[in-house]
Amino acid sequence: MTTSSPIVLLTGGSSGIGAATAKLLCRGGMTVYSASRSGGGDAETLENGRIIPVKMDVNDPSAVKEVVDRIVREQGRLDAVVCNAGNGIAGSVEDTSVDEARYQFETCFYGAVRTIDACLPVFRSQGHGRIVTVSSVAAVIPIPFQAYYSSVKAALHMLTRALSLEVKPFGIQCCCILPGDTKTGFTKARKYTQASQEATSPYYQTMHRSVAKMEKDEQNGMAPEVIGKAILRQLGRRKMKLTVTPRIDYRAIGILVRILPERLAMWIIGLLYS
């Protein structure tokens, strides 16, 4: 990136992975516009003035454009965007309505698309720019009873890979981060589909047991700073890696899923989560 203090737009910056990443990027010498629906941040995050909280709903195209325009107006450029905003929904496929599936895709996928689309003209005119998307190991490991979460993260992962080919001639680089279980407030904020909460659902007991197991893994998972450090490292590289899975155990799991016979891999995943 630029030799002067890089200017970064970060979505989902008010808590969890986003808040941790904002602090680490700031300490790494970057100026971070930390975007969230609330537009807030804690005192520790904001005390040095290098993290600028902005109110921005990634589901509102005009709000996204206004923030990007503001950054360029105030800083004269935008060097990178980190698409981190997201949400989670749990329930079997049969117990998930189309509207509930749309809810899952709206912020995690289309929110990233809206943000990237607003940044690309700036990056192209500059002749440089970096796009980091925060996906999940769920993009490569199908999680039962969170099929739509796995689907949206897989879509974001593939979007990033395809986009990297399209924008390379303009000096723009892309990187997709695939976190594993991470201890954040994301666990508590996860929603359940309406039908999945009915005891009459044929999936009720298995679904709740599966999600409880996963939520336990999350709350015993890595600190969000691990993901923030991975993002910082990539933004500091001359050439970013296309896909990054923080922590060796999750990288190993991803490799095993790809090389094992499909039936065996699915059987193992079923044992873990069903």
C-alpha atoms as a PDB file:
ATOM      1  CA  MET A   1       0.000   0.000   0.000  1.00  0.00           C
ATOM      2  CA  THR A   2       0.960   3.660   0.088  1.00  0.00           C
ATOM      3  CA  THR A   3       4.059   4.582   2.079  1.00  0.00           C
ATOM      4  CA  SER A   4       2.131   7.214   4.062  1.00  0.00           C
ATOM      5  CA  SER A   5      -0.485   6.242   6.637  1.00  0.00           C
ATOM      6  CA  PRO A   6      -2.870   3.910   4.785  1.00  0.00           C
ATOM      7  CA  ILE A   7      -6.561   4.855   4.829  1.00  0.00           C
ATOM      8  CA  VAL A   8      -8.870   1.896   5.498  1.00  0.00           C
ATOM      9  CA  LEU A   9     -12.646   1.489   5.534  1.00  0.00           C
ATOM     10  CA  LEU A  10     -13.719  -1.315   7.885  1.00  0.00           C
ATOM     11  CA  THR A  11     -17.312  -2.562   8.138  1.00  0.00           C
ATOM     12  CA  GLY A  12     -18.755  -4.172  11.258  1.00  0.00           C
ATOM     13  CA  GLY A  13     -16.204  -2.249  13.269  1.00  0.00           C
ATOM     14  CA  SER A  14     -18.051  -1.655  16.541  1.00  0.00           C
ATOM     15  CA  SER A  15     -17.568  -5.084  18.138  1.00  0.00           C
ATOM     16  CA  GLY A  16     -15.970  -8.517  17.897  1.00  0.00           C
ATOM     17  CA  ILE A  17     -13.529  -9.139  15.063  1.00  0.00           C
ATOM     18  CA  GLY A  18     -14.181  -5.662  13.657  1.00  0.00           C
ATOM     19  CA  ALA A  19     -13.327  -3.789  16.853  1.00  0.00           C
ATOM     20  CA  ALA A  20     -10.208  -5.892  17.413  1.00  0.00           C
ATOM     21  CA  THR A  21      -9.108  -5.358  13.814  1.00  0.00           C
ATOM     22  CA  ALA A  22      -9.664  -1.594  14.012  1.00  0.00           C
ATOM     23  CA  LYS A  23      -7.352  -1.321  17.028  1.00  0.00           C
ATOM     24  CA  LEU A  24      -4.648  -3.470  15.461  1.00  0.00           C
ATOM     25  CA  LEU A  25      -4.706  -1.613  12.141  1.00  0.00           C
ATOM     26  CA  CYS A  26      -4.514   1.672  14.017  1.00  0.00           C
ATOM     27  CA  ARG A  27      -1.548   0.482  16.055  1.00  0.00           C
ATOM     28  CA  GLY A  28       0.002  -0.604  12.761  1.00  0.00           C
ATOM     29  CA  GLY A  29      -0.018   3.008  11.581  1.00  0.00           C
ATOM     30  CA  MET A  30      -3.256   3.037   9.598  1.00  0.00           C
ATOM     31  CA  THR A  31      -6.181   5.440   9.758  1.00  0.00           C
ATOM     32  CA  VAL A  32      -9.374   3.432  10.079  1.00  0.00           C
ATOM     33  CA  TYR A  33     -12.893   4.553   9.288  1.00  0.00           C
ATOM     34  CA  SER A  34     -14.767   2.101  11.489  1.00  0.00           C
ATOM     35  CA  ALA A  35     -18.261   1.669  10.061  1.00  0.00           C
ATOM     36  CA  SER A  36     -21.255   0.204  11.857  1.00  0.00           C
ATOM     37  CA  ARG A  37     -25.004   0.691  12.025  1.00  0.00           C
ATOM     38  CA  SER A  38     -24.635   2.466  15.382  1.00  0.00           C
ATOM     39  CA  GLY A  39     -21.615   4.516  14.346  1.00  0.00           C
ATOM     40  CA  GLY A  40     -20.139   4.044  17.805  1.00  0.00           C
ATOM     41  CA  GLY A  41     -17.050   2.642  19.477  1.00  0.00           C
ATOM     42  CA  ASP A  42     -15.559   2.355  22.933  1.00  0.00           C
ATOM     43  CA  ALA A  43     -13.240   4.927  24.525  1.00  0.00           C
ATOM     44  CA  GLU A  44     -10.154   2.749  24.235  1.00  0.00           C
ATOM     45  CA  THR A  45     -10.733   2.315  20.514  1.00  0.00           C
ATOM     46  CA  LEU A  46     -11.192   6.003  19.823  1.00  0.00           C
ATOM     47  CA  GLU A  47      -8.725   7.631  22.208  1.00  0.00           C
ATOM     48  CA  ASN A  48      -5.913   8.272  19.724  1.00  0.00           C
ATOM     49  CA  GLY A  49      -8.136   9.744  17.026  1.00  0.00           C
ATOM     50  CA  ARG A  50      -6.796   7.417  14.317  1.00  0.00           C
ATOM     51  CA  ILE A  51     -10.008   5.385  14.406  1.00  0.00           C
ATOM     52  CA  ILE A  52     -12.912   7.382  13.046  1.00  0.00           C
ATOM     53  CA  PRO A  53     -16.346   5.901  13.777  1.00  0.00           C
ATOM     54  CA  VAL A  54     -18.887   6.321  10.993  1.00  0.00           C
ATOM     55  CA  LYS A  55     -22.551   5.376  10.874  1.00  0.00           C
ATOM     56  CA  MET A  56     -23.099   3.150   7.862  1.00  0.00           C
ATOM     57  CA  ASP A  57     -25.584   0.362   7.191  1.00  0.00           C
ATOM     58  CA  VAL A  58     -24.118  -1.876   4.496  1.00  0.00           C
ATOM     59  CA  ASN A  59     -27.686  -2.634   3.390  1.00  0.00           C
ATOM     60  CA  ASP A  60     -28.170   1.023   2.390  1.00  0.00           C
ATOM     61  CA  PRO A  61     -26.322   1.779  -0.884  1.00  0.00           C
ATOM     62  CA  SER A  62     -26.646   5.563  -0.445  1.00  0.00           C
ATOM     63  CA  ALA A  63     -25.162   5.403   3.063  1.00  0.00           C
ATOM     64  CA  VAL A  64     -22.225   3.349   1.790  1.00  0.00           C
ATOM     65  CA  LYS A  65     -21.544   5.780  -1.047  1.00  0.00           C
ATOM     66  CA  GLU A  66     -21.771   8.764   1.308  1.00  0.00           C
ATOM     67  CA  VAL A  67     -19.128   7.271   3.603  1.00  0.00           C
ATOM     68  CA  VAL A  68     -16.768   6.415   0.720  1.00  0.00           C
ATOM     69  CA  ASP A  69     -17.199   9.930  -0.697  1.00  0.00           C
ATOM     70  CA  ARG A  70     -16.512  11.406   2.744  1.00  0.00           C
ATOM     71  CA  ILE A  71     -13.291   9.424   3.120  1.00  0.00           C
ATOM     72  CA  VAL A  72     -12.001  10.550  -0.265  1.00  0.00           C
ATOM     73  CA  ARG A  73     -13.019  14.138   0.490  1.00  0.00           C
ATOM     74  CA  GLU A  74     -11.263  14.163   3.875  1.00  0.00           C
ATOM     75  CA  GLN A  75      -8.213  12.030   3.052  1.00  0.00           C
ATOM     76  CA  GLY A  76      -7.793  12.413  -0.695  1.00  0.00           C
ATOM     77  CA  ARG A  77      -7.750   8.653  -1.213  1.00  0.00           C
ATOM     78  CA  LEU A  78      -8.866   5.242   0.074  1.00  0.00           C
ATOM     79  CA  ASP A  79      -6.271   2.486   0.208  1.00  0.00           C
ATOM     80  CA  ALA A  80      -8.208  -0.530   1.452  1.00  0.00           C
ATOM     81  CA  VAL A  81     -11.597  -1.846   2.464  1.00  0.00           C
ATOM     82  CA  VAL A  82     -12.221  -4.666   4.952  1.00  0.00           C
ATOM     83  CA  CYS A  83     -15.685  -6.204   4.550  1.00  0.00           C
ATOM     84  CA  ASN A  84     -16.386  -7.703   7.951  1.00  0.00           C
ATOM     85  CA  ALA A  85     -20.066  -6.914   8.684  1.00  0.00           C
ATOM     86  CA  GLY A  86     -22.160 -10.028   9.115  1.00  0.00           C
ATOM     87  CA  ASN A  87     -24.808 -11.960  11.000  1.00  0.00           C
ATOM     88  CA  GLY A  88     -25.819 -15.552  11.654  1.00  0.00           C
ATOM     89  CA  ILE A  89     -28.974 -17.612  11.467  1.00  0.00           C
ATOM     90  CA  ALA A  90     -29.538 -21.200  12.620  1.00  0.00           C
ATOM     91  CA  GLY A  91     -32.152 -23.766  11.677  1.00  0.00           C
ATOM     92  CA  SER A  92     -32.575 -26.674   9.312  1.00  0.00           C
ATOM     93  CA  VAL A  93     -33.042 -25.950   5.623  1.00  0.00           C
ATOM     94  CA  GLU A  94     -36.651 -27.141   5.836  1.00  0.00           C
ATOM     95  CA  ASP A  95     -37.274 -24.868   8.831  1.00  0.00           C
ATOM     96  CA  THR A  96     -35.851 -21.795   7.075  1.00  0.00           C
ATOM     97  CA  SER A  97     -38.169 -19.589   5.037  1.00  0.00           C
ATOM     98  CA  VAL A  98     -37.002 -17.816   1.903  1.00  0.00           C
ATOM     99  CA  ASP A  99     -37.273 -14.482   3.724  1.00  0.00           C
ATOM    100  CA  GLU A 100     -35.064 -15.798   6.547  1.00  0.00           C
ATOM    101  CA  ALA A 101     -32.524 -17.028   4.003  1.00  0.00           C
ATOM    102  CA  ARG A 102     -32.577 -13.587   2.375  1.00  0.00           C
ATOM    103  CA  TYR A 103     -31.868 -12.051   5.790  1.00  0.00           C
ATOM    104  CA  GLN A 104     -28.720 -14.161   6.017  1.00  0.00           C
ATOM    105  CA  PHE A 105     -27.511 -13.129   2.562  1.00  0.00           C
ATOM    106  CA  GLU A 106     -28.480  -9.467   2.751  1.00  0.00           C
ATOM    107  CA  THR A 107     -25.764  -8.286   5.148  1.00  0.00           C
ATOM    108  CA  CYS A 108     -23.080 -10.965   4.789  1.00  0.00           C
ATOM    109  CA  PHE A 109     -23.047 -11.115   0.995  1.00  0.00           C
ATOM    110  CA  TYR A 110     -24.905  -8.211  -0.571  1.00  0.00           C
ATOM    111  CA  GLY A 111     -23.613  -5.847   2.122  1.00  0.00           C
ATOM    112  CA  ALA A 112     -20.071  -6.747   1.066  1.00  0.00           C
ATOM    113  CA  VAL A 113     -21.033  -6.371  -2.609  1.00  0.00           C
ATOM    114  CA  ARG A 114     -22.467  -2.880  -2.017  1.00  0.00           C
ATOM    115  CA  THR A 115     -19.355  -1.825  -0.105  1.00  0.00           C
ATOM    116  CA  ILE A 116     -16.942  -3.210  -2.692  1.00  0.00           C
ATOM    117  CA  ASP A 117     -18.904  -1.657  -5.568  1.00  0.00           C
ATOM    118  CA  ALA A 118     -18.683   1.766  -3.895  1.00  0.00           C
ATOM    119  CA  CYS A 119     -14.913   1.442  -3.438  1.00  0.00           C
ATOM    120  CA  LEU A 120     -13.939   0.062  -6.838  1.00  0.00           C
ATOM    121  CA  PRO A 121     -14.244   3.321  -8.837  1.00  0.00           C
ATOM    122  CA  VAL A 122     -11.947   5.003  -6.303  1.00  0.00           C
ATOM    123  CA  PHE A 123      -9.429   2.171  -6.434  1.00  0.00           C
ATOM    124  CA  ARG A 124      -9.431   2.109 -10.240  1.00  0.00           C
ATOM    125  CA  SER A 125      -8.913   5.857 -10.529  1.00  0.00           C
ATOM    126  CA  GLN A 126      -5.981   5.654  -8.097  1.00  0.00           C
ATOM    127  CA  GLY A 127      -4.445   2.620  -9.772  1.00  0.00           C
ATOM    128  CA  HIS A 128      -4.318   0.769  -6.468  1.00  0.00           C
ATOM    129  CA  GLY A 129      -6.531  -0.604  -3.718  1.00  0.00           C
ATOM    130  CA  ARG A 130      -6.987  -3.612  -1.476  1.00  0.00           C
ATOM    131  CA  ILE A 131     -10.126  -5.597  -0.749  1.00  0.00           C
ATOM    132  CA  VAL A 132     -10.274  -7.927   2.247  1.00  0.00           C
ATOM    133  CA  THR A 133     -13.393 -10.009   2.876  1.00  0.00           C
ATOM    134  CA  VAL A 134     -14.042 -11.907   6.099  1.00  0.00           C
ATOM    135  CA  SER A 135     -15.580 -15.271   5.258  1.00  0.00           C
ATOM    136  CA  SER A 136     -15.325 -18.417   7.429  1.00  0.00           C
ATOM    137  CA  VAL A 137     -14.036 -21.988   7.411  1.00  0.00           C
ATOM    138  CA  ALA A 138     -17.776 -22.720   7.082  1.00  0.00           C
ATOM    139  CA  ALA A 139     -17.244 -21.692   3.449  1.00  0.00           C
ATOM    140  CA  VAL A 140     -15.392 -24.974   2.855  1.00  0.00           C
ATOM    141  CA  ILE A 141     -16.932 -27.116   5.633  1.00  0.00           C
ATOM    142  CA  PRO A 142     -20.731 -27.504   5.385  1.00  0.00           C
ATOM    143  CA  ILE A 143     -22.243 -26.867   8.820  1.00  0.00           C
ATOM    144  CA  PRO A 144     -25.541 -28.701   9.393  1.00  0.00           C
ATOM    145  CA  PHE A 145     -28.374 -26.507  10.688  1.00  0.00           C
ATOM    146  CA  GLN A 146     -26.409 -23.494   9.509  1.00  0.00           C
ATOM    147  CA  ALA A 147     -26.573 -24.331   5.835  1.00  0.00           C
ATOM    148  CA  TYR A 148     -27.361 -20.770   4.833  1.00  0.00           C
ATOM    149  CA  TYR A 149     -24.463 -19.397   6.872  1.00  0.00           C
ATOM    150  CA  SER A 150     -22.128 -21.862   5.143  1.00  0.00           C
ATOM    151  CA  SER A 151     -23.678 -20.945   1.810  1.00  0.00           C
ATOM    152  CA  VAL A 152     -23.286 -17.201   2.226  1.00  0.00           C
ATOM    153  CA  LYS A 153     -19.676 -17.550   3.386  1.00  0.00           C
ATOM    154  CA  ALA A 154     -18.917 -19.825   0.421  1.00  0.00           C
ATOM    155  CA  ALA A 155     -20.483 -17.255  -1.893  1.00  0.00           C
ATOM    156  CA  LEU A 156     -18.349 -14.479  -0.387  1.00  0.00           C
ATOM    157  CA  HIS A 157     -15.232 -16.623  -0.723  1.00  0.00           C
ATOM    158  CA  MET A 158     -15.913 -17.363  -4.402  1.00  0.00           C
ATOM    159  CA  LEU A 159     -16.849 -13.747  -5.110  1.00  0.00           C
ATOM    160  CA  THR A 160     -13.465 -12.640  -3.757  1.00  0.00           C
ATOM    161  CA  ARG A 161     -11.594 -15.164  -5.871  1.00  0.00           C
ATOM    162  CA  ALA A 162     -13.412 -14.229  -9.077  1.00  0.00           C
ATOM    163  CA  LEU A 163     -13.140 -10.510  -8.323  1.00  0.00           C
ATOM    164  CA  SER A 164      -9.377 -10.812  -7.905  1.00  0.00           C
ATOM    165  CA  LEU A 165      -9.086 -11.841 -11.567  1.00  0.00           C
ATOM    166  CA  GLU A 166     -11.287  -8.999 -12.784  1.00  0.00           C
ATOM    167  CA  VAL A 167      -9.542  -6.177 -10.924  1.00  0.00           C
ATOM    168  CA  LYS A 168      -5.922  -7.283 -11.172  1.00  0.00           C
ATOM    169  CA  PRO A 169      -5.280  -5.145 -14.295  1.00  0.00           C
ATOM    170  CA  PHE A 170      -6.204  -2.039 -12.266  1.00  0.00           C
ATOM    171  CA  GLY A 171      -3.621  -2.700  -9.531  1.00  0.00           C
ATOM    172  CA  ILE A 172      -6.267  -3.917  -7.082  1.00  0.00           C
ATOM    173  CA  GLN A 173      -5.597  -6.909  -4.828  1.00  0.00           C
ATOM    174  CA  CYS A 174      -8.087  -9.165  -3.032  1.00  0.00           C
ATOM    175  CA  CYS A 175      -7.818 -11.402   0.012  1.00  0.00           C
ATOM    176  CA  CYS A 176     -10.403 -13.599   1.740  1.00  0.00           C
ATOM    177  CA  ILE A 177      -9.939 -14.434   5.437  1.00  0.00           C
ATOM    178  CA  LEU A 178     -11.439 -17.709   6.692  1.00  0.00           C
ATOM    179  CA  PRO A 179     -11.715 -17.594  10.514  1.00  0.00           C
ATOM    180  CA  GLY A 180     -12.516 -20.668  12.556  1.00  0.00           C
ATOM    181  CA  ASP A 181     -14.322 -20.637  15.907  1.00  0.00           C
ATOM    182  CA  THR A 182     -13.828 -17.199  17.441  1.00  0.00           C
ATOM    183  CA  LYS A 183     -14.950 -15.963  20.848  1.00  0.00           C
ATOM    184  CA  THR A 184     -17.101 -12.876  20.219  1.00  0.00           C
ATOM    185  CA  GLY A 185     -20.615 -11.571  20.816  1.00  0.00           C
ATOM    186  CA  PHE A 186     -21.562 -13.099  17.452  1.00  0.00           C
ATOM    187  CA  THR A 187     -22.600 -16.267  19.295  1.00  0.00           C
ATOM    188  CA  LYS A 188     -25.159 -14.497  21.467  1.00  0.00           C
ATOM    189  CA  ALA A 189     -26.449 -12.451  18.528  1.00  0.00           C
ATOM    190  CA  ARG A 190     -27.180 -15.516  16.362  1.00  0.00           C
ATOM    191  CA  LYS A 191     -30.840 -15.839  15.420  1.00  0.00           C
ATOM    192  CA  TYR A 192     -32.910 -18.996  15.105  1.00  0.00           C
ATOM    193  CA  THR A 193     -35.456 -19.424  12.352  1.00  0.00           C
ATOM    194  CA  GLN A 194     -39.040 -19.262  13.534  1.00  0.00           C
ATOM    195  CA  ALA A 195     -39.948 -22.851  12.641  1.00  0.00           C
ATOM    196  CA  SER A 196     -36.782 -24.219  14.255  1.00  0.00           C
ATOM    197  CA  GLN A 197     -37.949 -22.967  17.645  1.00  0.00           C
ATOM    198  CA  GLU A 198     -41.119 -25.075  17.526  1.00  0.00           C
ATOM    199  CA  ALA A 199     -40.810 -28.328  19.481  1.00  0.00           C
ATOM    200  CA  THR A 200     -42.930 -29.987  16.778  1.00  0.00           C
ATOM    201  CA  SER A 201     -40.114 -29.589  14.249  1.00  0.00           C
ATOM    202  CA  PRO A 202     -38.681 -33.017  13.331  1.00  0.00           C
ATOM    203  CA  TYR A 203     -35.217 -31.421  13.590  1.00  0.00           C
ATOM    204  CA  TYR A 204     -35.773 -29.693  16.943  1.00  0.00           C
ATOM    205  CA  GLN A 205     -33.604 -31.829  19.245  1.00  0.00           C
ATOM    206  CA  THR A 206     -30.834 -32.569  16.753  1.00  0.00           C
ATOM    207  CA  MET A 207     -30.638 -28.928  15.658  1.00  0.00           C
ATOM    208  CA  HIS A 208     -30.393 -27.533  19.175  1.00  0.00           C
ATOM    209  CA  ARG A 209     -27.804 -30.144  20.143  1.00  0.00           C
ATOM    210  CA  SER A 210     -25.722 -29.392  17.051  1.00  0.00           C
ATOM    211  CA  VAL A 211     -25.830 -25.607  17.441  1.00  0.00           C
ATOM    212  CA  ALA A 212     -25.093 -25.860  21.183  1.00  0.00           C
ATOM    213  CA  LYS A 213     -21.971 -27.891  20.378  1.00  0.00           C
ATOM    214  CA  MET A 214     -20.832 -25.295  17.866  1.00  0.00           C
ATOM    215  CA  GLU A 215     -21.545 -22.376  20.190  1.00  0.00           C
ATOM    216  CA  LYS A 216     -19.474 -24.053  22.897  1.00  0.00           C
ATOM    217  CA  ASP A 217     -16.609 -24.340  20.412  1.00  0.00           C
ATOM    218  CA  GLU A 218     -17.012 -20.640  19.563  1.00  0.00           C
ATOM    219  CA  GLN A 219     -16.859 -19.519  23.169  1.00  0.00           C
ATOM    220  CA  ASN A 220     -13.736 -21.626  23.650  1.00  0.00           C
ATOM    221  CA  GLY A 221     -12.312 -20.451  20.351  1.00  0.00           C
ATOM    222  CA  MET A 222      -9.580 -18.058  19.354  1.00  0.00           C
ATOM    223  CA  ALA A 223      -9.550 -14.405  20.347  1.00  0.00           C
ATOM    224  CA  PRO A 224     -10.759 -11.953  17.676  1.00  0.00           C
ATOM    225  CA  GLU A 225      -7.300 -10.387  17.722  1.00  0.00           C
ATOM    226  CA  VAL A 226      -6.000 -13.490  15.917  1.00  0.00           C
ATOM    227  CA  ILE A 227      -8.160 -12.555  12.934  1.00  0.00           C
ATOM    228  CA  GLY A 228      -7.232  -8.888  13.235  1.00  0.00           C
ATOM    229  CA  LYS A 229      -3.538  -9.752  13.146  1.00  0.00           C
ATOM    230  CA  ALA A 230      -4.060 -11.858  10.019  1.00  0.00           C
ATOM    231  CA  ILE A 231      -5.762  -8.921   8.297  1.00  0.00           C
ATOM    232  CA  LEU A 232      -3.003  -6.544   9.414  1.00  0.00           C
ATOM    233  CA  ARG A 233      -0.326  -8.878   8.045  1.00  0.00           C
ATOM    234  CA  GLN A 234      -1.989  -9.081   4.654  1.00  0.00           C
ATOM    235  CA  LEU A 235      -2.474  -5.321   4.369  1.00  0.00           C
ATOM    236  CA  GLY A 236       1.205  -4.932   5.209  1.00  0.00           C
ATOM    237  CA  ARG A 237       2.392  -7.315   2.486  1.00  0.00           C
ATOM    238  CA  ARG A 238       3.509  -6.140  -0.941  1.00  0.00           C
ATOM    239  CA  LYS A 239       1.256  -8.815  -2.422  1.00  0.00           C
ATOM    240  CA  MET A 240      -1.631 -10.147  -0.377  1.00  0.00           C
ATOM    241  CA  LYS A 241      -2.441 -13.851  -0.343  1.00  0.00           C
ATOM    242  CA  LEU A 242      -5.735 -14.690  -2.011  1.00  0.00           C
ATOM    243  CA  THR A 243      -7.026 -16.893   0.825  1.00  0.00           C
ATOM    244  CA  VAL A 244      -5.878 -16.927   4.453  1.00  0.00           C
ATOM    245  CA  THR A 245      -7.034 -19.317   7.175  1.00  0.00           C
ATOM    246  CA  PRO A 246      -5.660 -18.163  10.541  1.00  0.00           C
ATOM    247  CA  ARG A 247      -4.292 -20.918  12.797  1.00  0.00           C
ATOM    248  CA  ILE A 248      -2.740 -24.137  11.602  1.00  0.00           C
ATOM    249  CA  ASP A 249      -5.450 -26.471  12.933  1.00  0.00           C
ATOM    250  CA  TYR A 250      -8.155 -24.825  10.827  1.00  0.00           C
ATOM    251  CA  ARG A 251      -5.866 -24.829   7.790  1.00  0.00           C
ATOM    252  CA  ALA A 252      -5.343 -28.577   8.339  1.00  0.00           C
ATOM    253  CA  ILE A 253      -9.095 -29.178   8.605  1.00  0.00           C
ATOM    254  CA  GLY A 254      -9.663 -27.335   5.345  1.00  0.00           C
ATOM    255  CA  ILE A 255      -7.001 -29.426   3.598  1.00  0.00           C
ATOM    256  CA  LEU A 256      -8.425 -32.691   4.965  1.00  0.00           C
ATOM    257  CA  VAL A 257     -11.924 -31.853   3.730  1.00  0.00           C
ATOM    258  CA  ARG A 258     -10.513 -31.324   0.241  1.00  0.00           C
ATOM    259  CA  ILE A 259      -8.324 -34.448   0.052  1.00  0.00           C
ATOM    260  CA  LEU A 260     -10.427 -37.026   1.909  1.00  0.00           C
ATOM    261  CA  PRO A 261     -13.033 -39.020  -0.008  1.00  0.00           C
ATOM    262  CA  GLU A 262     -16.220 -36.959   0.041  1.00  0.00           C
ATOM    263  CA  ARG A 263     -18.273 -39.604   1.827  1.00  0.00           C
ATOM    264  CA  LEU A 264     -15.676 -39.921   4.595  1.00  0.00           C
ATOM    265  CA  ALA A 265     -15.358 -36.154   5.008  1.00  0.00           C
ATOM    266  CA  MET A 266     -19.141 -35.757   5.287  1.00  0.00           C
ATOM    267  CA  TRP A 267     -19.328 -38.621   7.790  1.00  0.00           C
ATOM    268  CA  ILE A 268     -16.735 -36.909  10.001  1.00  0.00           C
ATOM    269  CA  ILE A 269     -18.563 -33.565   9.816  1.00  0.00           C
ATOM    270  CA  GLY A 270     -21.785 -35.364  10.695  1.00  0.00           C
ATOM    271  CA  LEU A 271     -20.160 -36.878  13.782  1.00  0.00           C
ATOM    272  CA  LEU A 272     -18.976 -33.453  14.896  1.00  0.00           C
ATOM    273  CA  TYR A 273     -22.200 -31.532  14.468  1.00  0.00           C
ATOM    274  CA  SER A 274     -25.216 -33.844  14.141  1.00  0.00           C
END
